[in-house]
Amino acid sequence: MIDTILLLVLTITFSILFFYWYATYSTKSGFALDENKNGASGCSIDTLQNTIQKIEKELSISLMNRLNVFCKIEDEILCVPSFKLSTVADKDTLFYDLTILKKRDLNTYLKPISEGWCAHLV
């Protein structure tokens, strides 16, 4: 039960982190928000960033480091620096692909490394 809750929290957190990163650091403009349902402001983005920093501190990991790869290994989610990926994973290891661009892709962001951006690292 706790593993399921943790996985759900991490899934939501990673999705939020990706969209935040993409809106902040990407050279493309692709971040969308339906303001009829939710409003966005500088304050809400600051609040999101502060929340992420608190989660990072509690979990002792860096969620904002885009060079980390989150892998599912033996039913655990591991945060692996990209330069160490080949030592703990292979091409069939599942990872959370946070480079998704469309909402519909949220259903398929857990995939084998061989199908993702980090395939060249293993």
PDB file of N, CA and C in Angstrom:
ATOM      1  N   MET A   1       0.819  -1.196   0.000  1.00  0.00           N
ATOM      2  CA  MET A   1       0.000   0.000   0.000  1.00  0.00           C
ATOM      3  C   MET A   1       0.864   1.262   0.000  1.00  0.00           C
ATOM      4  N   ILE A   2       1.884   1.277   0.876  1.00  0.00           N
ATOM      5  CA  ILE A   2       2.766   2.442   0.951  1.00  0.00           C
ATOM      6  C   ILE A   2       3.541   2.592  -0.349  1.00  0.00           C
ATOM      7  N   ASP A   3       3.970   1.454  -0.952  1.00  0.00           N
ATOM      8  CA  ASP A   3       4.688   1.518  -2.229  1.00  0.00           C
ATOM      9  C   ASP A   3       3.804   2.124  -3.316  1.00  0.00           C
ATOM     10  N   THR A   4       2.531   1.777  -3.323  1.00  0.00           N
ATOM     11  CA  THR A   4       1.602   2.319  -4.307  1.00  0.00           C
ATOM     12  C   THR A   4       1.412   3.815  -4.115  1.00  0.00           C
ATOM     13  N   ILE A   5       1.272   4.229  -2.884  1.00  0.00           N
ATOM     14  CA  ILE A   5       1.113   5.655  -2.586  1.00  0.00           C
ATOM     15  C   ILE A   5       2.381   6.416  -2.974  1.00  0.00           C
ATOM     16  N   LEU A   6       3.558   5.863  -2.626  1.00  0.00           N
ATOM     17  CA  LEU A   6       4.818   6.505  -2.982  1.00  0.00           C
ATOM     18  C   LEU A   6       4.955   6.613  -4.494  1.00  0.00           C
ATOM     19  N   LEU A   7       4.618   5.544  -5.201  1.00  0.00           N
ATOM     20  CA  LEU A   7       4.691   5.569  -6.668  1.00  0.00           C
ATOM     21  C   LEU A   7       3.763   6.632  -7.234  1.00  0.00           C
ATOM     22  N   LEU A   8       2.571   6.750  -6.703  1.00  0.00           N
ATOM     23  CA  LEU A   8       1.621   7.761  -7.164  1.00  0.00           C
ATOM     24  C   LEU A   8       2.159   9.168  -6.900  1.00  0.00           C
ATOM     25  N   VAL A   9       2.686   9.402  -5.710  1.00  0.00           N
ATOM     26  CA  VAL A   9       3.244  10.715  -5.371  1.00  0.00           C
ATOM     27  C   VAL A   9       4.420  11.036  -6.290  1.00  0.00           C
ATOM     28  N   LEU A  10       5.301  10.068  -6.507  1.00  0.00           N
ATOM     29  CA  LEU A  10       6.449  10.300  -7.383  1.00  0.00           C
ATOM     30  C   LEU A  10       6.016  10.546  -8.822  1.00  0.00           C
ATOM     31  N   THR A  11       5.026   9.806  -9.284  1.00  0.00           N
ATOM     32  CA  THR A  11       4.521   9.991 -10.641  1.00  0.00           C
ATOM     33  C   THR A  11       3.995  11.402 -10.834  1.00  0.00           C
ATOM     34  N   ILE A  12       3.185  11.852  -9.915  1.00  0.00           N
ATOM     35  CA  ILE A  12       2.627  13.203  -9.995  1.00  0.00           C
ATOM     36  C   ILE A  12       3.747  14.236  -9.895  1.00  0.00           C
ATOM     37  N   THR A  13       4.665  14.025  -8.969  1.00  0.00           N
ATOM     38  CA  THR A  13       5.771  14.956  -8.779  1.00  0.00           C
ATOM     39  C   THR A  13       6.637  15.049 -10.028  1.00  0.00           C
ATOM     40  N   PHE A  14       6.996  13.905 -10.617  1.00  0.00           N
ATOM     41  CA  PHE A  14       7.831  13.922 -11.814  1.00  0.00           C
ATOM     42  C   PHE A  14       7.129  14.615 -12.965  1.00  0.00           C
ATOM     43  N   SER A  15       5.835  14.396 -13.079  1.00  0.00           N
ATOM     44  CA  SER A  15       5.085  15.053 -14.148  1.00  0.00           C
ATOM     45  C   SER A  15       5.089  16.564 -13.956  1.00  0.00           C
ATOM     46  N   ILE A  16       4.845  17.001 -12.748  1.00  0.00           N
ATOM     47  CA  ILE A  16       4.850  18.439 -12.449  1.00  0.00           C
ATOM     48  C   ILE A  16       6.248  19.017 -12.690  1.00  0.00           C
ATOM     49  N   LEU A  17       7.261  18.291 -12.239  1.00  0.00           N
ATOM     50  CA  LEU A  17       8.631  18.762 -12.435  1.00  0.00           C
ATOM     51  C   LEU A  17       8.969  18.903 -13.908  1.00  0.00           C
ATOM     52  N   PHE A  18       8.557  17.930 -14.708  1.00  0.00           N
ATOM     53  CA  PHE A  18       8.849  18.012 -16.133  1.00  0.00           C
ATOM     54  C   PHE A  18       8.200  19.238 -16.742  1.00  0.00           C
ATOM     55  N   PHE A  19       6.928  19.446 -16.479  1.00  0.00           N
ATOM     56  CA  PHE A  19       6.245  20.585 -17.077  1.00  0.00           C
ATOM     57  C   PHE A  19       6.831  21.906 -16.574  1.00  0.00           C
ATOM     58  N   TYR A  20       7.240  21.945 -15.320  1.00  0.00           N
ATOM     59  CA  TYR A  20       7.884  23.145 -14.795  1.00  0.00           C
ATOM     60  C   TYR A  20       9.212  23.378 -15.516  1.00  0.00           C
ATOM     61  N   TRP A  21      10.036  22.316 -15.609  1.00  0.00           N
ATOM     62  CA  TRP A  21      11.318  22.439 -16.294  1.00  0.00           C
ATOM     63  C   TRP A  21      11.123  22.877 -17.738  1.00  0.00           C
ATOM     64  N   TYR A  22      10.203  22.233 -18.406  1.00  0.00           N
ATOM     65  CA  TYR A  22       9.991  22.533 -19.823  1.00  0.00           C
ATOM     66  C   TYR A  22       9.591  23.997 -20.003  1.00  0.00           C
ATOM     67  N   ALA A  23       8.704  24.492 -19.166  1.00  0.00           N
ATOM     68  CA  ALA A  23       8.256  25.880 -19.279  1.00  0.00           C
ATOM     69  C   ALA A  23       9.368  26.857 -18.935  1.00  0.00           C
ATOM     70  N   THR A  24      10.246  26.470 -18.026  1.00  0.00           N
ATOM     71  CA  THR A  24      11.292  27.374 -17.577  1.00  0.00           C
ATOM     72  C   THR A  24      12.531  27.355 -18.457  1.00  0.00           C
ATOM     73  N   TYR A  25      12.963  26.181 -18.890  1.00  0.00           N
ATOM     74  CA  TYR A  25      14.266  26.065 -19.542  1.00  0.00           C
ATOM     75  C   TYR A  25      14.228  25.701 -21.022  1.00  0.00           C
ATOM     76  N   SER A  26      13.123  25.250 -21.510  1.00  0.00           N
ATOM     77  CA  SER A  26      13.061  24.862 -22.917  1.00  0.00           C
ATOM     78  C   SER A  26      13.032  26.090 -23.811  1.00  0.00           C
ATOM     79  N   THR A  27      13.629  25.957 -25.004  1.00  0.00           N
ATOM     80  CA  THR A  27      13.598  27.064 -25.963  1.00  0.00           C
ATOM     81  C   THR A  27      12.301  27.055 -26.754  1.00  0.00           C
ATOM     82  N   LYS A  28      11.562  25.973 -26.643  1.00  0.00           N
ATOM     83  CA  LYS A  28      10.267  25.885 -27.322  1.00  0.00           C
ATOM     84  C   LYS A  28       9.186  26.384 -26.374  1.00  0.00           C
ATOM     85  N   SER A  29       8.081  26.832 -26.934  1.00  0.00           N
ATOM     86  CA  SER A  29       6.948  27.166 -26.078  1.00  0.00           C
ATOM     87  C   SER A  29       5.895  26.094 -26.291  1.00  0.00           C
ATOM     88  N   GLY A  30       5.703  25.270 -25.285  1.00  0.00           N
ATOM     89  CA  GLY A  30       4.776  24.172 -25.430  1.00  0.00           C
ATOM     90  C   GLY A  30       3.988  23.904 -24.163  1.00  0.00           C
ATOM     91  N   PHE A  31       4.147  24.734 -23.187  1.00  0.00           N
ATOM     92  CA  PHE A  31       3.451  24.553 -21.924  1.00  0.00           C
ATOM     93  C   PHE A  31       2.049  25.095 -22.057  1.00  0.00           C
ATOM     94  N   ALA A  32       1.075  24.294 -21.674  1.00  0.00           N
ATOM     95  CA  ALA A  32      -0.321  24.717 -21.822  1.00  0.00           C
ATOM     96  C   ALA A  32      -1.039  24.617 -20.485  1.00  0.00           C
ATOM     97  N   LEU A  33      -1.995  25.499 -20.317  1.00  0.00           N
ATOM     98  CA  LEU A  33      -2.802  25.505 -19.105  1.00  0.00           C
ATOM     99  C   LEU A  33      -4.193  25.989 -19.463  1.00  0.00           C
ATOM    100  N   ASP A  34      -5.181  25.246 -19.023  1.00  0.00           N
ATOM    101  CA  ASP A  34      -6.566  25.667 -19.222  1.00  0.00           C
ATOM    102  C   ASP A  34      -6.924  26.588 -18.057  1.00  0.00           C
ATOM    103  N   GLU A  35      -6.873  27.879 -18.309  1.00  0.00           N
ATOM    104  CA  GLU A  35      -7.107  28.842 -17.237  1.00  0.00           C
ATOM    105  C   GLU A  35      -8.571  28.923 -16.825  1.00  0.00           C
ATOM    106  N   ASN A  36      -9.447  28.241 -17.547  1.00  0.00           N
ATOM    107  CA  ASN A  36     -10.837  28.134 -17.097  1.00  0.00           C
ATOM    108  C   ASN A  36     -10.931  27.216 -15.882  1.00  0.00           C
ATOM    109  N   LYS A  37      -9.941  26.340 -15.745  1.00  0.00           N
ATOM    110  CA  LYS A  37      -9.941  25.394 -14.630  1.00  0.00           C
ATOM    111  C   LYS A  37      -8.935  25.769 -13.552  1.00  0.00           C
ATOM    112  N   ASN A  38      -7.772  26.253 -13.971  1.00  0.00           N
ATOM    113  CA  ASN A  38      -6.706  26.586 -13.025  1.00  0.00           C
ATOM    114  C   ASN A  38      -5.999  27.853 -13.484  1.00  0.00           C
ATOM    115  N   GLY A  39      -5.743  28.718 -12.567  1.00  0.00           N
ATOM    116  CA  GLY A  39      -5.000  29.929 -12.894  1.00  0.00           C
ATOM    117  C   GLY A  39      -3.533  29.746 -12.570  1.00  0.00           C
ATOM    118  N   ALA A  40      -2.676  30.361 -13.358  1.00  0.00           N
ATOM    119  CA  ALA A  40      -1.240  30.296 -13.095  1.00  0.00           C
ATOM    120  C   ALA A  40      -0.724  31.711 -12.888  1.00  0.00           C
ATOM    121  N   SER A  41       0.146  31.843 -11.930  1.00  0.00           N
ATOM    122  CA  SER A  41       0.738  33.146 -11.667  1.00  0.00           C
ATOM    123  C   SER A  41       2.153  32.923 -11.159  1.00  0.00           C
ATOM    124  N   GLY A  42       2.886  34.002 -11.012  1.00  0.00           N
ATOM    125  CA  GLY A  42       4.228  33.895 -10.451  1.00  0.00           C
ATOM    126  C   GLY A  42       4.212  33.277  -9.065  1.00  0.00           C
ATOM    127  N   CYS A  43       3.184  33.618  -8.304  1.00  0.00           N
ATOM    128  CA  CYS A  43       3.075  33.073  -6.946  1.00  0.00           C
ATOM    129  C   CYS A  43       2.853  31.565  -6.967  1.00  0.00           C
ATOM    130  N   SER A  44       2.017  31.082  -7.887  1.00  0.00           N
ATOM    131  CA  SER A  44       1.752  29.640  -7.933  1.00  0.00           C
ATOM    132  C   SER A  44       2.984  28.875  -8.386  1.00  0.00           C
ATOM    133  N   ILE A  45       3.758  29.458  -9.307  1.00  0.00           N
ATOM    134  CA  ILE A  45       4.990  28.807  -9.752  1.00  0.00           C
ATOM    135  C   ILE A  45       6.016  28.806  -8.621  1.00  0.00           C
ATOM    136  N   ASP A  46       6.126  29.898  -7.879  1.00  0.00           N
ATOM    137  CA  ASP A  46       7.026  29.951  -6.726  1.00  0.00           C
ATOM    138  C   ASP A  46       6.625  28.922  -5.669  1.00  0.00           C
ATOM    139  N   THR A  47       5.323  28.796  -5.430  1.00  0.00           N
ATOM    140  CA  THR A  47       4.823  27.823  -4.467  1.00  0.00           C
ATOM    141  C   THR A  47       5.173  26.410  -4.910  1.00  0.00           C
ATOM    142  N   LEU A  48       5.003  26.129  -6.210  1.00  0.00           N
ATOM    143  CA  LEU A  48       5.350  24.816  -6.750  1.00  0.00           C
ATOM    144  C   LEU A  48       6.839  24.538  -6.550  1.00  0.00           C
ATOM    145  N   GLN A  49       7.673  25.497  -6.870  1.00  0.00           N
ATOM    146  CA  GLN A  49       9.119  25.309  -6.717  1.00  0.00           C
ATOM    147  C   GLN A  49       9.488  25.084  -5.252  1.00  0.00           C
ATOM    148  N   ASN A  50       8.897  25.820  -4.335  1.00  0.00           N
ATOM    149  CA  ASN A  50       9.166  25.621  -2.906  1.00  0.00           C
ATOM    150  C   ASN A  50       8.726  24.235  -2.453  1.00  0.00           C
ATOM    151  N   THR A  51       7.584  23.774  -2.942  1.00  0.00           N
ATOM    152  CA  THR A  51       7.097  22.432  -2.599  1.00  0.00           C
ATOM    153  C   THR A  51       8.060  21.370  -3.106  1.00  0.00           C
ATOM    154  N   ILE A  52       8.538  21.536  -4.324  1.00  0.00           N
ATOM    155  CA  ILE A  52       9.490  20.584  -4.891  1.00  0.00           C
ATOM    156  C   ILE A  52      10.769  20.565  -4.062  1.00  0.00           C
ATOM    157  N   GLN A  53      11.243  21.726  -3.650  1.00  0.00           N
ATOM    158  CA  GLN A  53      12.452  21.788  -2.834  1.00  0.00           C
ATOM    159  C   GLN A  53      12.255  21.084  -1.489  1.00  0.00           C
ATOM    160  N   LYS A  54      11.075  21.198  -0.909  1.00  0.00           N
ATOM    161  CA  LYS A  54      10.791  20.496   0.353  1.00  0.00           C
ATOM    162  C   LYS A  54      10.804  18.985   0.138  1.00  0.00           C
ATOM    163  N   ILE A  55      10.204  18.539  -0.959  1.00  0.00           N
ATOM    164  CA  ILE A  55      10.187  17.103  -1.274  1.00  0.00           C
ATOM    165  C   ILE A  55      11.606  16.608  -1.498  1.00  0.00           C
ATOM    166  N   GLU A  56      12.410  17.381  -2.213  1.00  0.00           N
ATOM    167  CA  GLU A  56      13.806  17.003  -2.442  1.00  0.00           C
ATOM    168  C   GLU A  56      14.544  16.834  -1.122  1.00  0.00           C
ATOM    169  N   LYS A  57      14.311  17.756  -0.221  1.00  0.00           N
ATOM    170  CA  LYS A  57      14.989  17.706   1.078  1.00  0.00           C
ATOM    171  C   LYS A  57      14.541  16.477   1.871  1.00  0.00           C
ATOM    172  N   GLU A  58      13.237  16.197   1.881  1.00  0.00           N
ATOM    173  CA  GLU A  58      12.712  15.047   2.623  1.00  0.00           C
ATOM    174  C   GLU A  58      13.213  13.731   2.062  1.00  0.00           C
ATOM    175  N   LEU A  59      13.318  13.632   0.718  1.00  0.00           N
ATOM    176  CA  LEU A  59      13.724  12.386   0.079  1.00  0.00           C
ATOM    177  C   LEU A  59      15.228  12.290  -0.156  1.00  0.00           C
ATOM    178  N   SER A  60      15.939  13.387   0.111  1.00  0.00           N
ATOM    179  CA  SER A  60      17.391  13.459  -0.101  1.00  0.00           C
ATOM    180  C   SER A  60      17.784  13.120  -1.536  1.00  0.00           C
ATOM    181  N   ILE A  61      17.022  13.644  -2.500  1.00  0.00           N
ATOM    182  CA  ILE A  61      17.361  13.483  -3.912  1.00  0.00           C
ATOM    183  C   ILE A  61      17.148  14.821  -4.622  1.00  0.00           C
ATOM    184  N   SER A  62      17.756  14.925  -5.783  1.00  0.00           N
ATOM    185  CA  SER A  62      17.612  16.132  -6.583  1.00  0.00           C
ATOM    186  C   SER A  62      16.642  15.862  -7.725  1.00  0.00           C
ATOM    187  N   LEU A  63      15.428  16.357  -7.596  1.00  0.00           N
ATOM    188  CA  LEU A  63      14.417  16.162  -8.632  1.00  0.00           C
ATOM    189  C   LEU A  63      14.594  17.137  -9.790  1.00  0.00           C
ATOM    190  N   MET A  64      15.267  18.244  -9.552  1.00  0.00           N
ATOM    191  CA  MET A  64      15.418  19.264 -10.579  1.00  0.00           C
ATOM    192  C   MET A  64      16.640  19.034 -11.470  1.00  0.00           C
ATOM    193  N   ASN A  65      17.465  18.079 -11.136  1.00  0.00           N
ATOM    194  CA  ASN A  65      18.644  17.796 -11.944  1.00  0.00           C
ATOM    195  C   ASN A  65      18.216  16.977 -13.156  1.00  0.00           C
ATOM    196  N   ARG A  66      18.246  17.592 -14.320  1.00  0.00           N
ATOM    197  CA  ARG A  66      17.759  16.932 -15.537  1.00  0.00           C
ATOM    198  C   ARG A  66      18.666  15.805 -15.999  1.00  0.00           C
ATOM    199  N   LEU A  67      19.838  15.641 -15.384  1.00  0.00           N
ATOM    200  CA  LEU A  67      20.745  14.568 -15.756  1.00  0.00           C
ATOM    201  C   LEU A  67      20.513  13.295 -14.950  1.00  0.00           C
ATOM    202  N   ASN A  68      19.560  13.320 -14.039  1.00  0.00           N
ATOM    203  CA  ASN A  68      19.194  12.114 -13.301  1.00  0.00           C
ATOM    204  C   ASN A  68      18.188  11.318 -14.114  1.00  0.00           C
ATOM    205  N   VAL A  69      18.282   9.998 -14.007  1.00  0.00           N
ATOM    206  CA  VAL A  69      17.345   9.093 -14.677  1.00  0.00           C
ATOM    207  C   VAL A  69      16.655   8.303 -13.577  1.00  0.00           C
ATOM    208  N   PHE A  70      15.324   8.269 -13.623  1.00  0.00           N
ATOM    209  CA  PHE A  70      14.556   7.539 -12.617  1.00  0.00           C
ATOM    210  C   PHE A  70      14.166   6.195 -13.198  1.00  0.00           C
ATOM    211  N   CYS A  71      14.753   5.134 -12.632  1.00  0.00           N
ATOM    212  CA  CYS A  71      14.569   3.776 -13.144  1.00  0.00           C
ATOM    213  C   CYS A  71      13.789   2.933 -12.153  1.00  0.00           C
ATOM    214  N   LYS A  72      13.057   1.969 -12.699  1.00  0.00           N
ATOM    215  CA  LYS A  72      12.364   0.990 -11.867  1.00  0.00           C
ATOM    216  C   LYS A  72      13.193  -0.286 -11.912  1.00  0.00           C
ATOM    217  N   ILE A  73      13.856  -0.585 -10.786  1.00  0.00           N
ATOM    218  CA  ILE A  73      14.737  -1.740 -10.700  1.00  0.00           C
ATOM    219  C   ILE A  73      14.315  -2.573  -9.504  1.00  0.00           C
ATOM    220  N   GLU A  74      13.935  -3.823  -9.773  1.00  0.00           N
ATOM    221  CA  GLU A  74      13.483  -4.742  -8.725  1.00  0.00           C
ATOM    222  C   GLU A  74      12.386  -4.120  -7.873  1.00  0.00           C
ATOM    223  N   ASP A  75      11.370  -3.588  -8.511  1.00  0.00           N
ATOM    224  CA  ASP A  75      10.203  -2.981  -7.859  1.00  0.00           C
ATOM    225  C   ASP A  75      10.538  -1.773  -6.992  1.00  0.00           C
ATOM    226  N   GLU A  76      11.688  -1.156  -7.223  1.00  0.00           N
ATOM    227  CA  GLU A  76      12.056   0.083  -6.544  1.00  0.00           C
ATOM    228  C   GLU A  76      12.328   1.151  -7.587  1.00  0.00           C
ATOM    229  N   ILE A  77      12.054   2.386  -7.239  1.00  0.00           N
ATOM    230  CA  ILE A  77      12.368   3.499  -8.117  1.00  0.00           C
ATOM    231  C   ILE A  77      13.679   4.102  -7.630  1.00  0.00           C
ATOM    232  N   LEU A  78      14.674   4.090  -8.506  1.00  0.00           N
ATOM    233  CA  LEU A  78      15.983   4.612  -8.158  1.00  0.00           C
ATOM    234  C   LEU A  78      16.290   5.862  -8.968  1.00  0.00           C
ATOM    235  N   CYS A  79      16.875   6.829  -8.321  1.00  0.00           N
ATOM    236  CA  CYS A  79      17.348   8.036  -8.980  1.00  0.00           C
ATOM    237  C   CYS A  79      18.823   7.804  -9.295  1.00  0.00           C
ATOM    238  N   VAL A  80      19.134   7.699 -10.598  1.00  0.00           N
ATOM    239  CA  VAL A  80      20.480   7.347 -11.028  1.00  0.00           C
ATOM    240  C   VAL A  80      21.077   8.497 -11.835  1.00  0.00           C
ATOM    241  N   PRO A  81      22.249   8.994 -11.448  1.00  0.00           N
ATOM    242  CA  PRO A  81      22.905   9.998 -12.291  1.00  0.00           C
ATOM    243  C   PRO A  81      23.187   9.375 -13.661  1.00  0.00           C
ATOM    244  N   SER A  82      22.994  10.120 -14.719  1.00  0.00           N
ATOM    245  CA  SER A  82      23.114   9.567 -16.068  1.00  0.00           C
ATOM    246  C   SER A  82      24.481   8.941 -16.324  1.00  0.00           C
ATOM    247  N   PHE A  83      25.539   9.483 -15.740  1.00  0.00           N
ATOM    248  CA  PHE A  83      26.868   8.919 -15.982  1.00  0.00           C
ATOM    249  C   PHE A  83      27.063   7.564 -15.298  1.00  0.00           C
ATOM    250  N   LYS A  84      26.173   7.173 -14.381  1.00  0.00           N
ATOM    251  CA  LYS A  84      26.257   5.874 -13.712  1.00  0.00           C
ATOM    252  C   LYS A  84      25.221   4.882 -14.231  1.00  0.00           C
ATOM    253  N   LEU A  85      24.409   5.286 -15.185  1.00  0.00           N
ATOM    254  CA  LEU A  85      23.292   4.452 -15.637  1.00  0.00           C
ATOM    255  C   LEU A  85      23.749   3.078 -16.118  1.00  0.00           C
ATOM    256  N   SER A  86      24.839   3.012 -16.849  1.00  0.00           N
ATOM    257  CA  SER A  86      25.296   1.725 -17.396  1.00  0.00           C
ATOM    258  C   SER A  86      25.728   0.743 -16.310  1.00  0.00           C
ATOM    259  N   THR A  87      25.996   1.229 -15.099  1.00  0.00           N
ATOM    260  CA  THR A  87      26.423   0.332 -14.024  1.00  0.00           C
ATOM    261  C   THR A  87      25.252  -0.304 -13.282  1.00  0.00           C
ATOM    262  N   VAL A  88      24.044   0.256 -13.412  1.00  0.00           N
ATOM    263  CA  VAL A  88      22.896  -0.278 -12.666  1.00  0.00           C
ATOM    264  C   VAL A  88      21.738  -0.713 -13.557  1.00  0.00           C
ATOM    265  N   ALA A  89      21.822  -0.429 -14.854  1.00  0.00           N
ATOM    266  CA  ALA A  89      20.686  -0.714 -15.735  1.00  0.00           C
ATOM    267  C   ALA A  89      21.169  -1.274 -17.066  1.00  0.00           C
ATOM    268  N   ASP A  90      20.226  -1.873 -17.776  1.00  0.00           N
ATOM    269  CA  ASP A  90      20.504  -2.309 -19.146  1.00  0.00           C
ATOM    270  C   ASP A  90      19.401  -1.779 -20.046  1.00  0.00           C
ATOM    271  N   LYS A  91      19.430  -2.144 -21.323  1.00  0.00           N
ATOM    272  CA  LYS A  91      18.492  -1.568 -22.289  1.00  0.00           C
ATOM    273  C   LYS A  91      17.036  -1.943 -22.006  1.00  0.00           C
ATOM    274  N   ASP A  92      16.802  -3.016 -21.239  1.00  0.00           N
ATOM    275  CA  ASP A  92      15.437  -3.446 -20.933  1.00  0.00           C
ATOM    276  C   ASP A  92      14.907  -2.889 -19.613  1.00  0.00           C
ATOM    277  N   THR A  93      15.737  -2.216 -18.867  1.00  0.00           N
ATOM    278  CA  THR A  93      15.319  -1.611 -17.599  1.00  0.00           C
ATOM    279  C   THR A  93      14.279  -0.531 -17.878  1.00  0.00           C
ATOM    280  N   LEU A  94      13.217  -0.505 -17.083  1.00  0.00           N
ATOM    281  CA  LEU A  94      12.191   0.518 -17.247  1.00  0.00           C
ATOM    282  C   LEU A  94      12.642   1.825 -16.610  1.00  0.00           C
ATOM    283  N   PHE A  95      12.345   2.928 -17.293  1.00  0.00           N
ATOM    284  CA  PHE A  95      12.649   4.244 -16.736  1.00  0.00           C
ATOM    285  C   PHE A  95      11.477   5.177 -16.998  1.00  0.00           C
ATOM    286  N   TYR A  96      11.417   6.250 -16.230  1.00  0.00           N
ATOM    287  CA  TYR A  96      10.359   7.241 -16.362  1.00  0.00           C
ATOM    288  C   TYR A  96      10.831   8.316 -17.334  1.00  0.00           C
ATOM    289  N   ASP A  97      10.259   8.298 -18.536  1.00  0.00           N
ATOM    290  CA  ASP A  97      10.639   9.241 -19.586  1.00  0.00           C
ATOM    291  C   ASP A  97       9.906  10.555 -19.356  1.00  0.00           C
ATOM    292  N   LEU A  98      10.613  11.529 -18.835  1.00  0.00           N
ATOM    293  CA  LEU A  98      10.016  12.816 -18.489  1.00  0.00           C
ATOM    294  C   LEU A  98      10.073  13.818 -19.633  1.00  0.00           C
ATOM    295  N   THR A  99      10.417  13.346 -20.823  1.00  0.00           N
ATOM    296  CA  THR A  99      10.484  14.238 -21.981  1.00  0.00           C
ATOM    297  C   THR A  99       9.184  14.253 -22.775  1.00  0.00           C
ATOM    298  N   ILE A 100       8.125  13.753 -22.186  1.00  0.00           N
ATOM    299  CA  ILE A 100       6.848  13.735 -22.894  1.00  0.00           C
ATOM    300  C   ILE A 100       6.377  15.155 -23.177  1.00  0.00           C
ATOM    301  N   LEU A 101       5.671  15.300 -24.281  1.00  0.00           N
ATOM    302  CA  LEU A 101       5.211  16.623 -24.689  1.00  0.00           C
ATOM    303  C   LEU A 101       3.696  16.763 -24.680  1.00  0.00           C
ATOM    304  N   LYS A 102       2.984  15.647 -24.652  1.00  0.00           N
ATOM    305  CA  LYS A 102       1.525  15.706 -24.728  1.00  0.00           C
ATOM    306  C   LYS A 102       0.903  14.976 -23.549  1.00  0.00           C
ATOM    307  N   LYS A 103      -0.222  15.480 -23.125  1.00  0.00           N
ATOM    308  CA  LYS A 103      -0.931  14.899 -21.985  1.00  0.00           C
ATOM    309  C   LYS A 103      -1.211  13.418 -22.207  1.00  0.00           C
ATOM    310  N   ARG A 104      -1.549  13.052 -23.428  1.00  0.00           N
ATOM    311  CA  ARG A 104      -1.880  11.644 -23.708  1.00  0.00           C
ATOM    312  C   ARG A 104      -0.679  10.725 -23.495  1.00  0.00           C
ATOM    313  N   ASP A 105       0.542  11.274 -23.540  1.00  0.00           N
ATOM    314  CA  ASP A 105       1.742  10.472 -23.346  1.00  0.00           C
ATOM    315  C   ASP A 105       2.004  10.128 -21.880  1.00  0.00           C
ATOM    316  N   LEU A 106       1.245  10.714 -20.968  1.00  0.00           N
ATOM    317  CA  LEU A 106       1.418  10.392 -19.550  1.00  0.00           C
ATOM    318  C   LEU A 106       1.183   8.908 -19.284  1.00  0.00           C
ATOM    319  N   ASN A 107       0.385   8.261 -20.116  1.00  0.00           N
ATOM    320  CA  ASN A 107       0.091   6.836 -19.932  1.00  0.00           C
ATOM    321  C   ASN A 107       1.243   5.943 -20.360  1.00  0.00           C
ATOM    322  N   THR A 108       2.197   6.480 -21.113  1.00  0.00           N
ATOM    323  CA  THR A 108       3.268   5.644 -21.653  1.00  0.00           C
ATOM    324  C   THR A 108       4.653   6.161 -21.295  1.00  0.00           C
ATOM    325  N   TYR A 109       4.787   6.892 -20.230  1.00  0.00           N
ATOM    326  CA  TYR A 109       6.096   7.440 -19.922  1.00  0.00           C
ATOM    327  C   TYR A 109       6.997   6.475 -19.158  1.00  0.00           C
ATOM    328  N   LEU A 110       6.481   5.335 -18.709  1.00  0.00           N
ATOM    329  CA  LEU A 110       7.317   4.279 -18.142  1.00  0.00           C
ATOM    330  C   LEU A 110       7.631   3.319 -19.281  1.00  0.00           C
ATOM    331  N   LYS A 111       8.881   3.288 -19.699  1.00  0.00           N
ATOM    332  CA  LYS A 111       9.247   2.506 -20.879  1.00  0.00           C
ATOM    333  C   LYS A 111      10.662   1.967 -20.746  1.00  0.00           C
ATOM    334  N   PRO A 112      11.026   0.977 -21.571  1.00  0.00           N
ATOM    335  CA  PRO A 112      12.398   0.460 -21.542  1.00  0.00           C
ATOM    336  C   PRO A 112      13.391   1.547 -21.961  1.00  0.00           C
ATOM    337  N   ILE A 113      14.556   1.507 -21.384  1.00  0.00           N
ATOM    338  CA  ILE A 113      15.589   2.479 -21.731  1.00  0.00           C
ATOM    339  C   ILE A 113      15.866   2.467 -23.225  1.00  0.00           C
ATOM    340  N   SER A 114      15.788   1.308 -23.852  1.00  0.00           N
ATOM    341  CA  SER A 114      16.077   1.205 -25.291  1.00  0.00           C
ATOM    342  C   SER A 114      15.146   2.060 -26.137  1.00  0.00           C
ATOM    343  N   GLU A 115      13.989   2.447 -25.605  1.00  0.00           N
ATOM    344  CA  GLU A 115      13.019   3.256 -26.347  1.00  0.00           C
ATOM    345  C   GLU A 115      13.056   4.730 -25.953  1.00  0.00           C
ATOM    346  N   GLY A 116      14.036   5.133 -25.144  1.00  0.00           N
ATOM    347  CA  GLY A 116      14.043   6.499 -24.642  1.00  0.00           C
ATOM    348  C   GLY A 116      15.295   7.280 -24.986  1.00  0.00           C
ATOM    349  N   TRP A 117      15.315   8.494 -24.509  1.00  0.00           N
ATOM    350  CA  TRP A 117      16.409   9.421 -24.787  1.00  0.00           C
ATOM    351  C   TRP A 117      17.734   8.952 -24.227  1.00  0.00           C
ATOM    352  N   CYS A 118      17.695   8.098 -23.197  1.00  0.00           N
ATOM    353  CA  CYS A 118      18.920   7.688 -22.518  1.00  0.00           C
ATOM    354  C   CYS A 118      19.468   6.354 -23.018  1.00  0.00           C
ATOM    355  N   ALA A 119      18.953   5.854 -24.135  1.00  0.00           N
ATOM    356  CA  ALA A 119      19.405   4.559 -24.673  1.00  0.00           C
ATOM    357  C   ALA A 119      20.913   4.543 -24.929  1.00  0.00           C
ATOM    358  N   HIS A 120      21.461   5.652 -25.352  1.00  0.00           N
ATOM    359  CA  HIS A 120      22.886   5.707 -25.661  1.00  0.00           C
ATOM    360  C   HIS A 120      23.781   5.652 -24.415  1.00  0.00           C
ATOM    361  N   LEU A 121      23.186   5.714 -23.247  1.00  0.00           N
ATOM    362  CA  LEU A 121      23.967   5.714 -22.008  1.00  0.00           C
ATOM    363  C   LEU A 121      24.215   4.329 -21.446  1.00  0.00           C
ATOM    364  N   VAL A 122      23.559   3.308 -22.006  1.00  0.00           N
ATOM    365  CA  VAL A 122      23.767   1.925 -21.514  1.00  0.00           C
ATOM    366  C   VAL A 122      24.437   1.058 -22.564  1.00  0.00           C
TER     367      VAL A 122
END
